Amino acid sequence: MSFHRIFHFYGGVHPHEEKVSSGVAIASAPLLEQYTVPLAMHIGAPATPVVKPGDTVKRGQLIGQAAGFVSANIHSPTSGKVKALDFCLGPAGTQLPCVIIMSDGEDTPAEPLPPMTDWQNNSPDEIRKRVADAGLVGMGGAAFPTSVKLSIPPGKSIDTLIINGVECEPCLTADHRLMLENPQKILLGCAIAAHILGVTNIIIAIENNKPDAIAQLEKLAPTVSPNICVESLGVNYPQGAEKQLIYTFTKRQVPSGGLPADVHCVVMNVGSTFALAEAVLDGKPLYERVTTVTGTPVVHPGNWRFRVGTPYETAIQQAGGIQGEVGKLISGGPMMGMTVYSQAVPIMKNTSGILLLTPNEVFQYTSKACLHCGRCNDACPMQLMPGILSTQIENERFDDAQNWHVMDCIECGCCAFICPAGRPLVQHMRRAKSEVGAKLRAQKAAAQKATEAKSTEAKPSK
């Protein structure tokens, strides 16, 4: 492998990687009798169901229509009948609208979207429409609709496309395996995204603990596009965070409250580019994804291609089930993942991993008084002061927290990981962001209402 520069960013921590499933090839999970498909698998408005109980559906058929610009289409994971329109438990503990589908065992495919084999001669608008039709969202965790991400706001310009193959979250290996087993599709997805954005500077970022993936993509990249550059990154969590990747390669800082487009960049996950290539080249909607099932209690940790709507319980059984006692079940990884209290939660488009921990591996926060050691300040990749913010939040001084830029927190968990006092710092940040966000939304709604009232008063009476 050729020599690579090693890039760095401010802050970060070094948790144990525990990527025990990195050598396990992706396997396809068997067909289930029932799938519970959430209609809210993305940031934005939940999709509107376009089927009703008793309807017959096919694999890849549209069952939920995007309900606005920031929303995403939902497709059936198999063929069968719609059992019910209901609600199901999501990983955040909230009830989500869903479509329950009873499989007929045939897995009959719907008519695919027309393949765009000559995509270079399709306009960006045509491909963006395909992305929206296929229901693509960010696969790295945020689940932001891909069609929106690839729609550049008026007055903005993009010169750099960064593809995130870092997978810095401990325990997860789905992206690693995808890069090893489907490099060509990932590279084609990169080229298609660059065509939509009109950029020629494409960077694939991979941590150097994945030398096999770096070598694989580096070898094939020139056969797809001369504009694709594969770059190695030092192992440092949260190396794969969007703003950190942008600063690492361009030394541009996304402004507070801003977006990557404000500094002429777009960041996509390797799973998203793979799904993009499938949607464009094969006409395949997004109804399945690769998910890591791992952790000490799991008998056979590995990586599987699961259909959306697969219960966590079934996914864990696919990995051989559980041995011993489970102390915690997490959707995602140990740093940014979400604890879930039921195995009935279904796999969604952004479910990168299912992690089980033993009771001995579960850290218990003690929430002692802050020691003022400054370790959280050194670890924070956003260069915030988590210790001060935490004290403000404990005392419910949310206005102060807002002024100290709590809304810029990316919830990576570095501060809580490094805190010798065991303070639940990232949980404090989440609480403050929720409180401040609610206040800002209320202010926006009040301002809009006042504007509408003023407009009504200004209209001449008949």
Protein backbone atom coordinates (compact mmCIF):
# COMPACT_ATOMS: atom_id res chain seq x y z
CA MET A 1 0.00 0.00 0.00
CA SER A 2 1.29 3.46 -0.84
CA PHE A 3 2.23 6.06 1.76
CA HIS A 4 -0.62 8.10 3.23
CA ARG A 5 -0.64 11.33 5.14
CA ILE A 6 -2.18 10.96 8.59
CA PHE A 7 -4.82 13.58 9.35
CA HIS A 8 -5.94 14.77 12.78
CA PHE A 9 -8.57 16.97 14.44
CA TYR A 10 -8.85 18.66 17.84
CA GLY A 11 -9.86 16.57 20.86
CA GLY A 12 -11.24 13.06 20.82
CA VAL A 13 -10.73 9.93 22.92
CA HIS A 14 -9.50 6.37 22.40
CA PRO A 15 -12.04 3.80 23.63
CA HIS A 16 -11.32 0.10 23.11
CA GLU A 17 -12.31 -0.81 19.55
CA GLU A 18 -13.75 -4.29 20.24
CA LYS A 19 -14.44 -4.87 16.54
CA VAL A 20 -14.70 -8.64 16.95
CA SER A 21 -16.99 -9.05 13.93
CA SER A 22 -14.70 -7.34 11.41
CA GLY A 23 -13.63 -10.69 9.97
CA VAL A 24 -17.17 -12.03 9.59
CA ALA A 25 -18.58 -11.71 6.07
CA ILE A 26 -22.01 -10.19 5.47
CA ALA A 27 -24.80 -12.79 5.41
CA SER A 28 -28.38 -12.33 4.26
CA ALA A 29 -30.97 -12.94 6.95
CA PRO A 30 -33.75 -15.42 6.12
CA LEU A 31 -37.26 -14.27 5.25
CA LEU A 32 -39.61 -13.67 8.21
CA GLU A 33 -43.33 -14.28 8.57
CA GLN A 34 -43.98 -10.68 9.65
CA TYR A 35 -42.29 -7.28 9.34
CA THR A 36 -43.15 -4.18 11.34
CA VAL A 37 -42.09 -1.30 9.08
CA PRO A 38 -41.93 2.16 10.71
CA LEU A 39 -43.08 5.11 8.61
CA ALA A 40 -40.64 7.38 10.49
CA MET A 41 -37.19 6.01 9.67
CA HIS A 42 -35.68 9.40 8.87
CA ILE A 43 -35.31 12.97 10.04
CA GLY A 44 -38.38 14.99 9.11
CA ALA A 45 -42.06 14.23 8.68
CA PRO A 46 -43.18 10.58 8.86
CA ALA A 47 -44.24 9.09 5.53
CA THR A 48 -47.95 8.92 4.75
CA PRO A 49 -49.22 5.34 4.25
CA VAL A 50 -50.44 4.60 0.72
CA VAL A 51 -51.68 1.09 1.55
CA LYS A 52 -54.49 -0.19 3.77
CA PRO A 53 -55.14 -3.41 5.69
CA GLY A 54 -55.80 -6.31 3.34
CA ASP A 55 -53.78 -4.86 0.44
CA THR A 56 -51.36 -7.16 -1.37
CA VAL A 57 -47.82 -5.78 -1.68
CA LYS A 58 -44.61 -6.84 -3.35
CA ARG A 59 -40.97 -6.46 -2.29
CA GLY A 60 -39.80 -2.92 -3.02
CA GLN A 61 -43.33 -1.56 -3.50
CA LEU A 62 -44.05 1.92 -2.15
CA ILE A 63 -46.06 1.70 1.09
CA GLY A 64 -45.35 5.14 2.54
CA GLN A 65 -45.18 8.42 0.59
CA ALA A 66 -42.79 11.16 1.69
CA ALA A 67 -44.84 13.85 3.45
CA GLY A 68 -42.90 16.94 2.44
CA PHE A 69 -39.45 18.05 1.30
CA VAL A 70 -37.68 16.72 4.43
CA SER A 71 -39.16 13.23 4.49
CA ALA A 72 -38.55 9.90 2.75
CA ASN A 73 -40.47 7.19 0.90
CA ILE A 74 -40.89 3.80 2.59
CA HIS A 75 -40.97 0.50 0.67
CA SER A 76 -42.12 -2.99 1.54
CA PRO A 77 -39.33 -5.39 2.60
CA THR A 78 -41.11 -8.41 1.09
CA SER A 79 -44.28 -9.56 -0.66
CA GLY A 80 -47.44 -10.41 1.22
CA LYS A 81 -50.45 -8.68 2.75
CA VAL A 82 -50.82 -5.59 4.88
CA LYS A 83 -52.02 -6.83 8.25
CA ALA A 84 -52.51 -3.45 9.91
CA LEU A 85 -51.59 0.21 10.09
CA ASP A 86 -50.50 0.61 13.68
CA PHE A 87 -47.85 2.04 16.00
CA CYS A 88 -44.62 0.38 17.12
CA LEU A 89 -41.87 1.14 19.61
CA GLY A 90 -38.88 3.02 18.19
CA PRO A 91 -35.31 2.92 19.51
CA ALA A 92 -35.81 6.26 21.29
CA GLY A 93 -38.72 4.79 23.26
CA THR A 94 -41.39 6.69 21.32
CA GLN A 95 -44.33 5.23 19.42
CA LEU A 96 -43.90 5.38 15.64
CA PRO A 97 -46.57 4.90 12.95
CA CYS A 98 -45.94 1.67 11.10
CA VAL A 99 -47.19 -0.79 8.50
CA ILE A 100 -47.35 -4.45 9.58
CA ILE A 101 -46.81 -6.84 6.66
CA MET A 102 -47.49 -10.58 6.71
CA SER A 103 -45.13 -12.34 4.32
CA ASP A 104 -46.49 -14.76 1.74
CA GLY A 105 -43.13 -16.55 1.64
CA GLU A 106 -42.71 -15.84 -2.08
CA ASP A 107 -40.67 -12.61 -1.76
CA THR A 108 -42.04 -11.52 -5.14
CA PRO A 109 -40.33 -8.32 -6.34
CA ALA A 110 -42.24 -5.29 -7.55
CA GLU A 111 -41.36 -3.77 -10.90
CA PRO A 112 -38.00 -2.06 -10.28
CA LEU A 113 -37.45 1.60 -10.95
CA PRO A 114 -35.98 1.93 -14.47
CA PRO A 115 -32.20 1.40 -14.18
CA MET A 116 -30.10 4.45 -15.10
CA THR A 117 -27.15 2.59 -16.61
CA ASP A 118 -26.12 5.68 -18.57
CA TRP A 119 -26.33 7.95 -15.51
CA GLN A 120 -23.54 10.23 -16.78
CA ASN A 121 -26.02 11.52 -19.36
CA ASN A 122 -28.86 11.97 -16.88
CA SER A 123 -29.32 15.41 -15.38
CA PRO A 124 -28.68 15.96 -11.64
CA ASP A 125 -32.39 16.72 -11.20
CA GLU A 126 -33.37 13.37 -12.76
CA ILE A 127 -31.00 11.46 -10.46
CA ARG A 128 -32.12 13.44 -7.39
CA LYS A 129 -35.69 12.43 -8.20
CA ARG A 130 -34.57 8.80 -8.38
CA VAL A 131 -32.89 9.19 -4.97
CA ALA A 132 -36.15 10.53 -3.52
CA ASP A 133 -38.24 7.82 -5.23
CA ALA A 134 -35.98 5.12 -3.75
CA GLY A 135 -36.34 6.51 -0.22
CA LEU A 136 -32.61 6.93 0.41
CA VAL A 137 -31.46 8.36 3.74
CA GLY A 138 -28.12 8.73 5.49
CA MET A 139 -27.02 5.28 6.64
CA GLY A 140 -24.48 6.46 9.21
CA GLY A 141 -27.05 7.14 11.90
CA ALA A 142 -28.72 10.51 11.32
CA ALA A 143 -31.05 9.22 8.54
CA PHE A 144 -31.22 12.61 6.84
CA PRO A 145 -33.02 12.25 3.47
CA THR A 146 -30.32 11.89 0.80
CA SER A 147 -32.32 13.77 -1.83
CA VAL A 148 -32.28 16.81 0.49
CA LYS A 149 -28.56 16.47 1.20
CA LEU A 150 -27.85 16.41 -2.54
CA SER A 151 -30.05 19.48 -3.16
CA ILE A 152 -27.79 22.48 -2.74
CA PRO A 153 -29.55 25.58 -1.39
CA PRO A 154 -29.67 28.65 -3.67
CA GLY A 155 -26.58 30.79 -3.27
CA LYS A 156 -24.44 27.87 -2.06
CA SER A 157 -21.75 26.02 -4.00
CA ILE A 158 -20.02 22.71 -3.35
CA ASP A 159 -16.41 21.93 -4.21
CA THR A 160 -15.66 18.89 -2.02
CA LEU A 161 -17.44 15.58 -1.47
CA ILE A 162 -16.22 13.60 1.55
CA ILE A 163 -17.22 9.94 1.86
CA ASN A 164 -17.19 8.67 5.43
CA GLY A 165 -15.74 5.17 5.67
CA VAL A 166 -14.22 5.85 9.08
CA GLU A 167 -16.61 3.79 11.25
CA CYS A 168 -14.93 5.11 14.41
CA GLU A 169 -17.71 3.89 16.71
CA PRO A 170 -16.40 0.92 18.76
CA CYS A 171 -17.83 -2.57 18.09
CA LEU A 172 -19.48 -1.74 14.73
CA THR A 173 -18.11 -3.30 11.53
CA ALA A 174 -20.95 -3.06 8.98
CA ASP A 175 -19.27 -0.30 6.94
CA HIS A 176 -15.91 -2.10 7.06
CA ARG A 177 -17.41 -5.27 5.62
CA LEU A 178 -19.36 -3.30 3.01
CA MET A 179 -16.12 -1.67 1.81
CA LEU A 180 -14.43 -5.07 1.56
CA GLU A 181 -17.29 -6.88 -0.16
CA ASN A 182 -18.88 -4.19 -2.34
CA PRO A 183 -16.12 -1.67 -3.17
CA GLN A 184 -17.16 -1.22 -6.81
CA LYS A 185 -20.72 -0.20 -5.95
CA ILE A 186 -19.46 2.20 -3.26
CA LEU A 187 -17.08 3.86 -5.73
CA LEU A 188 -19.80 4.13 -8.37
CA GLY A 189 -22.05 5.71 -5.75
CA CYS A 190 -19.29 8.25 -5.04
CA ALA A 191 -19.05 9.11 -8.73
CA ILE A 192 -22.84 9.44 -9.05
CA ALA A 193 -23.03 11.74 -6.02
CA ALA A 194 -20.20 13.86 -7.45
CA HIS A 195 -22.07 14.08 -10.77
CA ILE A 196 -25.20 15.32 -8.98
CA LEU A 197 -23.20 17.93 -7.03
CA GLY A 198 -20.95 18.91 -9.94
CA VAL A 199 -17.72 18.39 -7.98
CA THR A 200 -14.40 16.83 -8.95
CA ASN A 201 -12.78 16.64 -5.50
CA ILE A 202 -13.90 13.34 -3.94
CA ILE A 203 -12.26 12.09 -0.74
CA ILE A 204 -12.93 8.67 0.80
CA ALA A 205 -11.86 8.81 4.46
CA ILE A 206 -10.97 5.56 6.27
CA GLU A 207 -9.27 5.04 9.64
CA ASN A 208 -5.95 3.25 9.34
CA ASN A 209 -7.17 0.33 11.48
CA LYS A 210 -8.82 -0.89 8.25
CA PRO A 211 -5.78 -1.30 5.95
CA ASP A 212 -7.56 -3.99 3.90
CA ALA A 213 -10.42 -1.60 3.05
CA ILE A 214 -7.97 1.21 2.24
CA ALA A 215 -6.00 -1.06 -0.10
CA GLN A 216 -9.17 -2.39 -1.77
CA LEU A 217 -10.69 1.01 -2.53
CA GLU A 218 -7.35 2.56 -3.43
CA LYS A 219 -6.77 -0.17 -6.03
CA LEU A 220 -10.20 0.15 -7.65
CA ALA A 221 -10.75 3.92 -7.41
CA PRO A 222 -8.82 4.82 -10.61
CA THR A 223 -10.98 2.39 -12.61
CA VAL A 224 -14.10 4.35 -11.64
CA SER A 225 -12.95 7.96 -11.51
CA PRO A 226 -9.62 9.81 -11.50
CA ASN A 227 -11.16 12.28 -9.06
CA ILE A 228 -11.52 9.83 -6.17
CA CYS A 229 -8.79 10.01 -3.53
CA VAL A 230 -8.61 7.47 -0.69
CA GLU A 231 -7.16 8.98 2.50
CA SER A 232 -6.05 7.30 5.72
CA LEU A 233 -6.94 8.73 9.12
CA GLY A 234 -5.39 8.11 12.51
CA VAL A 235 -7.61 6.18 14.93
CA ASN A 236 -9.27 8.80 17.12
CA TYR A 237 -12.94 8.88 18.13
CA PRO A 238 -15.11 10.71 16.84
CA GLN A 239 -13.06 10.82 13.65
CA GLY A 240 -16.14 10.13 11.51
CA ALA A 241 -18.18 13.09 12.75
CA GLU A 242 -19.22 15.33 9.86
CA LYS A 243 -17.72 18.60 11.09
CA GLN A 244 -14.49 16.90 12.17
CA LEU A 245 -14.05 15.29 8.74
CA ILE A 246 -14.58 18.62 7.02
CA TYR A 247 -12.03 20.39 9.22
CA THR A 248 -9.57 17.49 8.94
CA PHE A 249 -9.37 17.72 5.15
CA THR A 250 -10.18 21.34 4.35
CA LYS A 251 -9.39 23.24 7.60
CA ARG A 252 -12.79 24.88 7.17
CA GLN A 253 -15.02 25.23 10.24
CA VAL A 254 -18.76 24.83 9.83
CA PRO A 255 -20.22 27.95 11.52
CA SER A 256 -22.30 27.62 14.68
CA GLY A 257 -25.79 26.58 13.60
CA GLY A 258 -24.55 26.13 10.03
CA LEU A 259 -24.41 23.24 7.58
CA PRO A 260 -21.54 21.66 5.59
CA ALA A 261 -22.84 23.47 2.49
CA ASP A 262 -21.90 26.73 4.22
CA VAL A 263 -18.24 25.72 3.77
CA HIS A 264 -18.77 24.18 0.30
CA CYS A 265 -18.77 20.52 1.44
CA VAL A 266 -21.08 17.52 1.46
CA VAL A 267 -20.40 14.44 3.62
CA MET A 268 -21.92 11.03 2.90
CA ASN A 269 -21.53 7.60 4.50
CA VAL A 270 -20.18 4.66 2.47
CA GLY A 271 -23.45 2.83 3.11
CA SER A 272 -25.30 5.77 1.59
CA THR A 273 -23.17 5.73 -1.55
CA PHE A 274 -23.72 1.97 -1.88
CA ALA A 275 -27.49 2.48 -1.61
CA LEU A 276 -27.24 5.34 -4.12
CA ALA A 277 -25.53 3.08 -6.66
CA GLU A 278 -28.17 0.37 -6.16
CA ALA A 279 -31.00 2.88 -6.61
CA VAL A 280 -29.54 4.44 -9.76
CA LEU A 281 -27.94 1.45 -11.49
CA ASP A 282 -30.35 -1.30 -10.39
CA GLY A 283 -33.54 0.64 -9.64
CA LYS A 284 -33.59 -0.80 -6.10
CA PRO A 285 -35.37 1.12 -3.32
CA LEU A 286 -33.90 1.14 0.19
CA TYR A 287 -35.67 -1.65 2.09
CA GLU A 288 -32.66 -3.47 3.60
CA ARG A 289 -29.30 -2.63 5.11
CA VAL A 290 -26.18 -4.20 6.66
CA THR A 291 -26.25 -4.23 10.47
CA THR A 292 -23.69 -5.49 12.99
CA VAL A 293 -25.00 -7.68 15.84
CA THR A 294 -22.31 -7.93 18.49
CA GLY A 295 -21.33 -7.81 22.17
CA THR A 296 -20.03 -10.20 24.82
CA PRO A 297 -23.42 -11.92 25.40
CA VAL A 298 -23.90 -12.60 21.66
CA VAL A 299 -22.98 -16.18 20.72
CA HIS A 300 -21.84 -15.47 17.14
CA PRO A 301 -21.23 -11.72 16.51
CA GLY A 302 -21.42 -10.83 12.85
CA ASN A 303 -22.83 -8.67 10.07
CA TRP A 304 -26.15 -9.34 8.36
CA ARG A 305 -28.21 -7.82 5.59
CA PHE A 306 -31.56 -7.36 7.33
CA ARG A 307 -34.84 -6.15 5.84
CA VAL A 308 -36.30 -3.08 7.55
CA GLY A 309 -38.95 -4.09 10.05
CA THR A 310 -36.95 -7.05 11.40
CA PRO A 311 -37.30 -7.15 15.23
CA TYR A 312 -34.09 -6.85 17.26
CA GLU A 313 -35.02 -10.15 18.91
CA THR A 314 -34.93 -11.95 15.55
CA ALA A 315 -31.63 -10.29 14.62
CA ILE A 316 -30.09 -11.46 17.90
CA GLN A 317 -31.38 -14.99 17.30
CA GLN A 318 -29.75 -14.85 13.88
CA ALA A 319 -26.44 -14.22 15.67
CA GLY A 320 -26.87 -17.41 17.73
CA GLY A 321 -28.80 -15.87 20.57
CA ILE A 322 -27.59 -14.82 24.00
CA GLN A 323 -25.23 -16.51 26.45
CA GLY A 324 -25.20 -15.33 30.05
CA GLU A 325 -26.83 -12.22 31.45
CA VAL A 326 -27.50 -9.03 29.50
CA GLY A 327 -27.03 -5.72 31.28
CA LYS A 328 -27.93 -3.40 28.42
CA LEU A 329 -29.24 -3.51 24.85
CA ILE A 330 -28.07 -0.65 22.62
CA SER A 331 -29.18 0.48 19.19
CA GLY A 332 -25.92 1.56 17.55
CA GLY A 333 -22.54 1.61 19.25
CA PRO A 334 -21.46 2.17 22.87
CA MET A 335 -20.53 5.85 22.46
CA MET A 336 -23.45 7.35 20.52
CA GLY A 337 -25.93 4.50 20.59
CA MET A 338 -29.30 4.57 22.31
CA THR A 339 -30.32 2.16 25.07
CA VAL A 340 -33.50 0.31 24.18
CA TYR A 341 -35.66 -1.57 26.67
CA SER A 342 -37.43 -3.97 24.32
CA GLN A 343 -36.22 -6.48 21.74
CA ALA A 344 -39.42 -5.81 19.78
CA VAL A 345 -37.89 -2.61 18.33
CA PRO A 346 -37.60 -3.04 14.53
CA ILE A 347 -34.47 -2.51 12.46
CA MET A 348 -34.70 0.75 10.53
CA LYS A 349 -32.77 2.34 7.67
CA ASN A 350 -30.26 3.87 10.11
CA THR A 351 -29.73 0.83 12.38
CA SER A 352 -25.97 0.39 12.00
CA GLY A 353 -25.62 -1.97 14.93
CA ILE A 354 -27.26 -3.90 17.75
CA LEU A 355 -24.98 -4.15 20.78
CA LEU A 356 -25.45 -6.21 23.93
CA LEU A 357 -23.41 -5.63 27.09
CA THR A 358 -23.03 -7.75 30.23
CA PRO A 359 -23.87 -6.19 33.62
CA ASN A 360 -20.13 -5.88 34.36
CA GLU A 361 -19.62 -3.88 31.16
CA VAL A 362 -22.35 -1.35 31.91
CA PHE A 363 -20.93 1.89 33.31
CA GLN A 364 -22.93 3.43 36.12
CA TYR A 365 -22.81 7.22 36.33
CA THR A 366 -22.12 8.50 39.85
CA SER A 367 -22.65 12.20 39.05
CA LYS A 368 -20.21 13.44 41.67
CA ALA A 369 -19.32 17.13 41.82
CA CYS A 370 -17.17 18.42 38.96
CA LEU A 371 -13.43 18.14 39.77
CA HIS A 372 -12.55 21.04 37.42
CA CYS A 373 -9.83 18.88 35.89
CA GLY A 374 -10.48 20.11 32.36
CA ARG A 375 -10.29 16.68 30.74
CA CYS A 376 -13.70 17.11 29.11
CA ASN A 377 -12.54 20.41 27.58
CA ASP A 378 -9.48 18.69 26.09
CA ALA A 379 -11.57 15.80 24.73
CA CYS A 380 -14.45 17.81 23.24
CA PRO A 381 -14.02 17.81 19.43
CA MET A 382 -16.29 20.88 19.19
CA GLN A 383 -14.02 22.80 21.60
CA LEU A 384 -16.87 23.43 24.04
CA MET A 385 -16.54 23.50 27.84
CA PRO A 386 -18.70 20.56 28.93
CA GLY A 387 -17.93 20.95 32.65
CA ILE A 388 -19.29 24.49 32.80
CA LEU A 389 -22.23 23.62 30.55
CA SER A 390 -23.07 20.65 32.76
CA THR A 391 -23.23 22.82 35.88
CA GLN A 392 -25.44 25.35 34.09
CA ILE A 393 -27.77 22.58 32.96
CA GLU A 394 -27.98 20.97 36.40
CA ASN A 395 -29.17 24.35 37.68
CA GLU A 396 -31.60 24.66 34.73
CA ARG A 397 -29.85 27.76 33.40
CA PHE A 398 -30.68 26.80 29.83
CA ASP A 399 -30.30 30.35 28.49
CA ASP A 400 -26.71 30.36 29.77
CA ALA A 401 -26.13 26.96 28.17
CA GLN A 402 -27.46 28.31 24.87
CA ASN A 403 -25.08 31.27 25.09
CA TRP A 404 -22.23 28.83 25.75
CA HIS A 405 -23.11 27.07 22.46
CA VAL A 406 -24.67 23.86 23.79
CA MET A 407 -26.53 23.52 20.48
CA ASP A 408 -23.17 22.89 18.79
CA CYS A 409 -22.69 19.69 20.83
CA ILE A 410 -22.61 16.63 18.54
CA GLU A 411 -23.42 14.24 21.43
CA CYS A 412 -20.35 12.10 20.73
CA GLY A 413 -19.98 11.19 24.41
CA CYS A 414 -16.25 12.00 24.67
CA CYS A 415 -16.84 14.22 27.73
CA ALA A 416 -18.75 11.54 29.65
CA PHE A 417 -16.23 8.86 28.62
CA ILE A 418 -13.26 10.83 29.96
CA CYS A 419 -14.85 12.32 33.11
CA PRO A 420 -13.12 10.94 36.28
CA ALA A 421 -16.11 12.02 38.39
CA GLY A 422 -18.49 9.88 36.36
CA ARG A 423 -20.78 12.78 35.53
CA PRO A 424 -23.48 12.14 32.87
CA LEU A 425 -22.24 15.02 30.76
CA VAL A 426 -23.62 13.98 27.37
CA GLN A 427 -27.02 13.32 28.95
CA HIS A 428 -26.94 16.87 30.34
CA MET A 429 -26.18 18.20 26.85
CA ARG A 430 -29.07 16.26 25.35
CA ARG A 431 -31.44 17.64 27.97
CA ALA A 432 -30.31 21.21 27.32
CA LYS A 433 -30.54 20.79 23.55
CA SER A 434 -34.09 19.50 23.95
CA GLU A 435 -35.06 22.44 26.20
CA VAL A 436 -33.40 25.08 24.01
CA GLY A 437 -34.77 23.49 20.84
CA ALA A 438 -38.32 23.57 22.23
CA LYS A 439 -37.89 27.24 23.17
CA LEU A 440 -36.57 28.15 19.71
CA ARG A 441 -39.43 26.30 17.99
CA ALA A 442 -41.96 28.10 20.21
CA GLN A 443 -40.38 31.45 19.40
CA LYS A 444 -40.44 30.66 15.67
CA ALA A 445 -44.11 29.60 15.83
CA ALA A 446 -45.03 32.76 17.78
CA ALA A 447 -43.18 34.96 15.28
CA GLN A 448 -44.92 33.25 12.36
CA LYS A 449 -48.30 33.65 14.04
CA ALA A 450 -47.63 37.36 14.66
CA THR A 451 -46.60 37.84 11.03
CA GLU A 452 -49.76 36.13 9.80
CA ALA A 453 -51.91 38.24 12.13
CA LYS A 454 -50.21 41.41 10.93
CA SER A 455 -50.75 40.37 7.31
CA THR A 456 -54.45 39.73 8.00
CA GLU A 457 -54.87 43.14 9.60
CA ALA A 458 -53.21 44.82 6.63
CA LYS A 459 -55.70 43.34 4.14
CA PRO A 460 -58.43 45.83 3.15
CA SER A 461 -61.92 44.92 4.29
CA LYS A 462 -64.54 44.20 1.63
